[in-house]
Protein backbone atom coordinates (compact mmCIF):
# COMPACT_ATOMS: atom_id res chain seq x y z
CA UNK A 1 0.00 0.00 0.00
CA UNK A 2 2.74 2.44 0.91
CA UNK A 3 5.40 1.08 -1.40
CA UNK A 4 6.24 4.59 -2.57
CA UNK A 5 7.67 5.29 0.89
CA UNK A 6 10.22 2.48 0.63
CA UNK A 7 13.58 3.41 -0.85
CA UNK A 8 14.34 1.68 -4.14
CA UNK A 9 17.62 -0.26 -3.79
CA UNK A 10 18.02 -0.52 -7.57
CA UNK A 11 17.92 3.26 -7.93
CA UNK A 12 20.63 3.66 -5.29
CA UNK A 13 22.80 0.99 -6.94
CA UNK A 14 22.37 2.56 -10.39
CA UNK A 15 23.49 5.92 -9.02
CA UNK A 16 26.55 4.29 -7.49
CA UNK A 17 27.20 2.38 -10.72
CA UNK A 18 27.07 5.55 -12.81
CA UNK A 19 29.37 7.39 -10.41
CA UNK A 20 31.98 4.63 -10.45
CA UNK A 21 31.89 4.40 -14.25
CA UNK A 22 32.43 8.16 -14.44
CA UNK A 23 35.44 7.87 -12.12
CA UNK A 24 36.78 4.99 -14.21
CA UNK A 25 36.45 7.03 -17.39
CA UNK A 26 38.35 9.93 -15.81
CA UNK A 27 41.10 7.58 -14.63
CA UNK A 28 41.40 6.11 -18.12
CA UNK A 29 41.68 9.57 -19.66
CA UNK A 30 44.48 10.43 -17.24
CA UNK A 31 46.32 7.25 -18.22
CA UNK A 32 45.85 5.48 -14.88
CA UNK A 33 44.91 2.08 -16.26
CA UNK A 34 45.29 0.26 -12.93
CA UNK A 35 42.68 2.46 -11.23
CA UNK A 36 40.50 2.21 -14.33
CA UNK A 37 40.53 -1.59 -14.20
CA UNK A 38 39.80 -1.66 -10.45
CA UNK A 39 36.87 0.72 -10.82
CA UNK A 40 35.53 -1.18 -13.81
CA UNK A 41 35.66 -4.45 -11.87
CA UNK A 42 33.81 -2.80 -8.98
CA UNK A 43 31.16 -1.46 -11.35
CA UNK A 44 30.67 -4.95 -12.83
CA UNK A 45 29.96 -6.29 -9.34
CA UNK A 46 27.38 -3.57 -8.78
CA UNK A 47 25.80 -4.32 -12.15
CA UNK A 48 25.48 -7.99 -11.16
CA UNK A 49 23.62 -6.91 -8.00
CA UNK A 50 21.33 -4.69 -10.07
CA UNK A 51 20.58 -7.53 -12.48
CA UNK A 52 19.83 -9.89 -9.60
CA UNK A 53 17.44 -7.42 -7.97
CA UNK A 54 15.64 -6.73 -11.24
CA UNK A 55 15.32 -10.46 -11.94
CA UNK A 56 13.78 -10.97 -8.50
CA UNK A 57 10.98 -8.49 -9.21
PDB file of N, CA and C in Angstrom:
ATOM      1  N   UNK A   1       0.809  -1.185   0.000  1.00  0.00           N
ATOM      2  CA  UNK A   1       0.000   0.000   0.000  1.00  0.00           C
ATOM      3  C   UNK A   1       0.860   1.260   0.000  1.00  0.00           C
ATOM      4  N   UNK A   2       1.867   1.277   0.846  1.00  0.00           N
ATOM      5  CA  UNK A   2       2.740   2.440   0.912  1.00  0.00           C
ATOM      6  C   UNK A   2       4.113   2.116   0.333  1.00  0.00           C
ATOM      7  N   UNK A   3       4.128   1.462  -0.792  1.00  0.00           N
ATOM      8  CA  UNK A   3       5.398   1.079  -1.397  1.00  0.00           C
ATOM      9  C   UNK A   3       6.192   2.290  -1.883  1.00  0.00           C
ATOM     10  N   UNK A   4       5.523   3.403  -2.113  1.00  0.00           N
ATOM     11  CA  UNK A   4       6.241   4.588  -2.567  1.00  0.00           C
ATOM     12  C   UNK A   4       7.101   5.192  -1.459  1.00  0.00           C
ATOM     13  N   UNK A   5       6.868   4.789  -0.221  1.00  0.00           N
ATOM     14  CA  UNK A   5       7.675   5.292   0.889  1.00  0.00           C
ATOM     15  C   UNK A   5       8.965   4.497   1.077  1.00  0.00           C
ATOM     16  N   UNK A   6       9.028   3.309   0.509  1.00  0.00           N
ATOM     17  CA  UNK A   6      10.219   2.479   0.635  1.00  0.00           C
ATOM     18  C   UNK A   6      11.280   2.955  -0.359  1.00  0.00           C
ATOM     19  N   UNK A   7      12.523   3.028   0.087  1.00  0.00           N
ATOM     20  CA  UNK A   7      13.576   3.408  -0.853  1.00  0.00           C
ATOM     21  C   UNK A   7      13.819   2.275  -1.857  1.00  0.00           C
ATOM     22  N   UNK A   8      14.104   2.652  -3.081  1.00  0.00           N
ATOM     23  CA  UNK A   8      14.345   1.683  -4.140  1.00  0.00           C
ATOM     24  C   UNK A   8      15.834   1.329  -4.161  1.00  0.00           C
ATOM     25  N   UNK A   9      16.201   0.100  -3.815  1.00  0.00           N
ATOM     26  CA  UNK A   9      17.624  -0.259  -3.791  1.00  0.00           C
ATOM     27  C   UNK A   9      18.256  -0.237  -5.180  1.00  0.00           C
ATOM     28  N   UNK A  10      17.475  -0.521  -6.212  1.00  0.00           N
ATOM     29  CA  UNK A  10      18.017  -0.517  -7.572  1.00  0.00           C
ATOM     30  C   UNK A  10      18.420   0.903  -7.971  1.00  0.00           C
ATOM     31  N   UNK A  11      17.620   1.871  -7.597  1.00  0.00           N
ATOM     32  CA  UNK A  11      17.922   3.262  -7.927  1.00  0.00           C
ATOM     33  C   UNK A  11      19.229   3.700  -7.264  1.00  0.00           C
ATOM     34  N   UNK A  12      19.405   3.308  -6.021  1.00  0.00           N
ATOM     35  CA  UNK A  12      20.625   3.658  -5.293  1.00  0.00           C
ATOM     36  C   UNK A  12      21.843   2.981  -5.926  1.00  0.00           C
ATOM     37  N   UNK A  13      21.693   1.711  -6.313  1.00  0.00           N
ATOM     38  CA  UNK A  13      22.797   0.992  -6.944  1.00  0.00           C
ATOM     39  C   UNK A  13      23.134   1.575  -8.315  1.00  0.00           C
ATOM     40  N   UNK A  14      22.124   1.962  -9.074  1.00  0.00           N
ATOM     41  CA  UNK A  14      22.371   2.565 -10.393  1.00  0.00           C
ATOM     42  C   UNK A  14      23.134   3.885 -10.259  1.00  0.00           C
ATOM     43  N   UNK A  15      22.792   4.659  -9.250  1.00  0.00           N
ATOM     44  CA  UNK A  15      23.491   5.923  -9.024  1.00  0.00           C
ATOM     45  C   UNK A  15      24.957   5.653  -8.691  1.00  0.00           C
ATOM     46  N   UNK A  16      25.191   4.673  -7.844  1.00  0.00           N
ATOM     47  CA  UNK A  16      26.550   4.290  -7.487  1.00  0.00           C
ATOM     48  C   UNK A  16      27.298   3.757  -8.703  1.00  0.00           C
ATOM     49  N   UNK A  17      26.620   2.950  -9.501  1.00  0.00           N
ATOM     50  CA  UNK A  17      27.204   2.377 -10.716  1.00  0.00           C
ATOM     51  C   UNK A  17      27.634   3.487 -11.677  1.00  0.00           C
ATOM     52  N   UNK A  18      26.759   4.446 -11.900  1.00  0.00           N
ATOM     53  CA  UNK A  18      27.075   5.550 -12.806  1.00  0.00           C
ATOM     54  C   UNK A  18      28.249   6.376 -12.291  1.00  0.00           C
ATOM     55  N   UNK A  19      28.287   6.611 -10.996  1.00  0.00           N
ATOM     56  CA  UNK A  19      29.369   7.388 -10.405  1.00  0.00           C
ATOM     57  C   UNK A  19      30.713   6.677 -10.572  1.00  0.00           C
ATOM     58  N   UNK A  20      30.736   5.390 -10.329  1.00  0.00           N
ATOM     59  CA  UNK A  20      31.982   4.630 -10.445  1.00  0.00           C
ATOM     60  C   UNK A  20      32.442   4.568 -11.898  1.00  0.00           C
ATOM     61  N   UNK A  21      31.511   4.401 -12.835  1.00  0.00           N
ATOM     62  CA  UNK A  21      31.893   4.401 -14.249  1.00  0.00           C
ATOM     63  C   UNK A  21      32.464   5.752 -14.669  1.00  0.00           C
ATOM     64  N   UNK A  22      31.908   6.821 -14.137  1.00  0.00           N
ATOM     65  CA  UNK A  22      32.428   8.161 -14.436  1.00  0.00           C
ATOM     66  C   UNK A  22      33.857   8.303 -13.909  1.00  0.00           C
ATOM     67  N   UNK A  23      34.093   7.822 -12.691  1.00  0.00           N
ATOM     68  CA  UNK A  23      35.438   7.874 -12.117  1.00  0.00           C
ATOM     69  C   UNK A  23      36.404   7.021 -12.933  1.00  0.00           C
ATOM     70  N   UNK A  24      35.941   5.870 -13.400  1.00  0.00           N
ATOM     71  CA  UNK A  24      36.781   4.991 -14.211  1.00  0.00           C
ATOM     72  C   UNK A  24      37.146   5.672 -15.528  1.00  0.00           C
ATOM     73  N   UNK A  25      36.191   6.339 -16.135  1.00  0.00           N
ATOM     74  CA  UNK A  25      36.454   7.035 -17.388  1.00  0.00           C
ATOM     75  C   UNK A  25      37.502   8.131 -17.186  1.00  0.00           C
ATOM     76  N   UNK A  26      37.378   8.876 -16.089  1.00  0.00           N
ATOM     77  CA  UNK A  26      38.348   9.933 -15.808  1.00  0.00           C
ATOM     78  C   UNK A  26      39.743   9.352 -15.568  1.00  0.00           C
ATOM     79  N   UNK A  27      39.809   8.225 -14.871  1.00  0.00           N
ATOM     80  CA  UNK A  27      41.098   7.577 -14.626  1.00  0.00           C
ATOM     81  C   UNK A  27      41.719   7.110 -15.941  1.00  0.00           C
ATOM     82  N   UNK A  28      40.898   6.578 -16.830  1.00  0.00           N
ATOM     83  CA  UNK A  28      41.397   6.111 -18.124  1.00  0.00           C
ATOM     84  C   UNK A  28      41.928   7.287 -18.945  1.00  0.00           C
ATOM     85  N   UNK A  29      41.240   8.394 -18.908  1.00  0.00           N
ATOM     86  CA  UNK A  29      41.683   9.574 -19.657  1.00  0.00           C
ATOM     87  C   UNK A  29      43.006  10.114 -19.136  1.00  0.00           C
ATOM     88  N   UNK A  30      43.222   9.959 -17.831  1.00  0.00           N
ATOM     89  CA  UNK A  30      44.477  10.426 -17.239  1.00  0.00           C
ATOM     90  C   UNK A  30      45.616   9.432 -17.457  1.00  0.00           C
ATOM     91  N   UNK A  31      45.291   8.248 -17.962  1.00  0.00           N
ATOM     92  CA  UNK A  31      46.315   7.247 -18.223  1.00  0.00           C
ATOM     93  C   UNK A  31      46.553   6.304 -17.062  1.00  0.00           C
ATOM     94  N   UNK A  32      45.717   6.351 -16.053  1.00  0.00           N
ATOM     95  CA  UNK A  32      45.851   5.480 -14.880  1.00  0.00           C
ATOM     96  C   UNK A  32      45.028   4.209 -15.115  1.00  0.00           C
ATOM     97  N   UNK A  33      45.628   3.281 -15.835  1.00  0.00           N
ATOM     98  CA  UNK A  33      44.909   2.077 -16.258  1.00  0.00           C
ATOM     99  C   UNK A  33      44.626   1.147 -15.075  1.00  0.00           C
ATOM    100  N   UNK A  34      45.509   1.132 -14.090  1.00  0.00           N
ATOM    101  CA  UNK A  34      45.288   0.265 -12.928  1.00  0.00           C
ATOM    102  C   UNK A  34      44.015   0.685 -12.180  1.00  0.00           C
ATOM    103  N   UNK A  35      43.880   1.964 -11.908  1.00  0.00           N
ATOM    104  CA  UNK A  35      42.678   2.460 -11.233  1.00  0.00           C
ATOM    105  C   UNK A  35      41.451   2.233 -12.093  1.00  0.00           C
ATOM    106  N   UNK A  36      41.602   2.441 -13.398  1.00  0.00           N
ATOM    107  CA  UNK A  36      40.498   2.209 -14.329  1.00  0.00           C
ATOM    108  C   UNK A  36      40.008   0.769 -14.241  1.00  0.00           C
ATOM    109  N   UNK A  37      40.934  -0.179 -14.237  1.00  0.00           N
ATOM    110  CA  UNK A  37      40.533  -1.587 -14.199  1.00  0.00           C
ATOM    111  C   UNK A  37      39.899  -1.953 -12.857  1.00  0.00           C
ATOM    112  N   UNK A  38      40.390  -1.393 -11.761  1.00  0.00           N
ATOM    113  CA  UNK A  38      39.799  -1.658 -10.447  1.00  0.00           C
ATOM    114  C   UNK A  38      38.380  -1.103 -10.361  1.00  0.00           C
ATOM    115  N   UNK A  39      38.195   0.107 -10.854  1.00  0.00           N
ATOM    116  CA  UNK A  39      36.868   0.718 -10.815  1.00  0.00           C
ATOM    117  C   UNK A  39      35.895  -0.001 -11.746  1.00  0.00           C
ATOM    118  N   UNK A  40      36.384  -0.447 -12.883  1.00  0.00           N
ATOM    119  CA  UNK A  40      35.534  -1.185 -13.811  1.00  0.00           C
ATOM    120  C   UNK A  40      35.099  -2.513 -13.201  1.00  0.00           C
ATOM    121  N   UNK A  41      36.008  -3.187 -12.525  1.00  0.00           N
ATOM    122  CA  UNK A  41      35.660  -4.451 -11.865  1.00  0.00           C
ATOM    123  C   UNK A  41      34.620  -4.213 -10.771  1.00  0.00           C
ATOM    124  N   UNK A  42      34.775  -3.129 -10.032  1.00  0.00           N
ATOM    125  CA  UNK A  42      33.806  -2.798  -8.984  1.00  0.00           C
ATOM    126  C   UNK A  42      32.433  -2.489  -9.585  1.00  0.00           C
ATOM    127  N   UNK A  43      32.434  -1.790 -10.709  1.00  0.00           N
ATOM    128  CA  UNK A  43      31.160  -1.461 -11.355  1.00  0.00           C
ATOM    129  C   UNK A  43      30.479  -2.711 -11.898  1.00  0.00           C
ATOM    130  N   UNK A  44      31.249  -3.688 -12.350  1.00  0.00           N
ATOM    131  CA  UNK A  44      30.666  -4.946 -12.827  1.00  0.00           C
ATOM    132  C   UNK A  44      29.994  -5.707 -11.688  1.00  0.00           C
ATOM    133  N   UNK A  45      30.575  -5.652 -10.500  1.00  0.00           N
ATOM    134  CA  UNK A  45      29.956  -6.294  -9.339  1.00  0.00           C
ATOM    135  C   UNK A  45      28.637  -5.612  -8.990  1.00  0.00           C
ATOM    136  N   UNK A  46      28.617  -4.302  -9.060  1.00  0.00           N
ATOM    137  CA  UNK A  46      27.381  -3.566  -8.776  1.00  0.00           C
ATOM    138  C   UNK A  46      26.333  -3.892  -9.826  1.00  0.00           C
ATOM    139  N   UNK A  47      26.750  -3.997 -11.091  1.00  0.00           N
ATOM    140  CA  UNK A  47      25.799  -4.323 -12.151  1.00  0.00           C
ATOM    141  C   UNK A  47      25.195  -5.710 -11.936  1.00  0.00           C
ATOM    142  N   UNK A  48      25.995  -6.644 -11.445  1.00  0.00           N
ATOM    143  CA  UNK A  48      25.480  -7.987 -11.157  1.00  0.00           C
ATOM    144  C   UNK A  48      24.412  -7.922 -10.065  1.00  0.00           C
ATOM    145  N   UNK A  49      24.622  -7.082  -9.061  1.00  0.00           N
ATOM    146  CA  UNK A  49      23.623  -6.908  -8.000  1.00  0.00           C
ATOM    147  C   UNK A  49      22.340  -6.301  -8.565  1.00  0.00           C
ATOM    148  N   UNK A  50      22.494  -5.324  -9.451  1.00  0.00           N
ATOM    149  CA  UNK A  50      21.326  -4.690 -10.072  1.00  0.00           C
ATOM    150  C   UNK A  50      20.541  -5.718 -10.875  1.00  0.00           C
ATOM    151  N   UNK A  51      21.240  -6.515 -11.657  1.00  0.00           N
ATOM    152  CA  UNK A  51      20.577  -7.528 -12.479  1.00  0.00           C
ATOM    153  C   UNK A  51      19.849  -8.546 -11.611  1.00  0.00           C
ATOM    154  N   UNK A  52      20.463  -8.927 -10.494  1.00  0.00           N
ATOM    155  CA  UNK A  52      19.829  -9.894  -9.596  1.00  0.00           C
ATOM    156  C   UNK A  52      18.564  -9.311  -8.968  1.00  0.00           C
ATOM    157  N   UNK A  53      18.611  -8.054  -8.566  1.00  0.00           N
ATOM    158  CA  UNK A  53      17.436  -7.416  -7.967  1.00  0.00           C
ATOM    159  C   UNK A  53      16.308  -7.246  -8.984  1.00  0.00           C
ATOM    160  N   UNK A  54      16.668  -6.899 -10.215  1.00  0.00           N
ATOM    161  CA  UNK A  54      15.640  -6.734 -11.241  1.00  0.00           C
ATOM    162  C   UNK A  54      15.032  -8.073 -11.644  1.00  0.00           C
ATOM    163  N   UNK A  55      15.833  -9.130 -11.605  1.00  0.00           N
ATOM    164  CA  UNK A  55      15.318 -10.458 -11.940  1.00  0.00           C
ATOM    165  C   UNK A  55      14.381 -10.970 -10.850  1.00  0.00           C
ATOM    166  N   UNK A  56      14.605 -10.523  -9.620  1.00  0.00           N
ATOM    167  CA  UNK A  56      13.783 -10.974  -8.496  1.00  0.00           C
ATOM    168  C   UNK A  56      12.415 -10.299  -8.476  1.00  0.00           C
ATOM    169  N   UNK A  57      12.263  -9.221  -9.221  1.00  0.00           N
ATOM    170  CA  UNK A  57      10.983  -8.492  -9.214  1.00  0.00           C
ATOM    171  C   UNK A  57       9.911  -9.254  -9.923  1.00  0.00           C
TER     172      UNK A  57
END
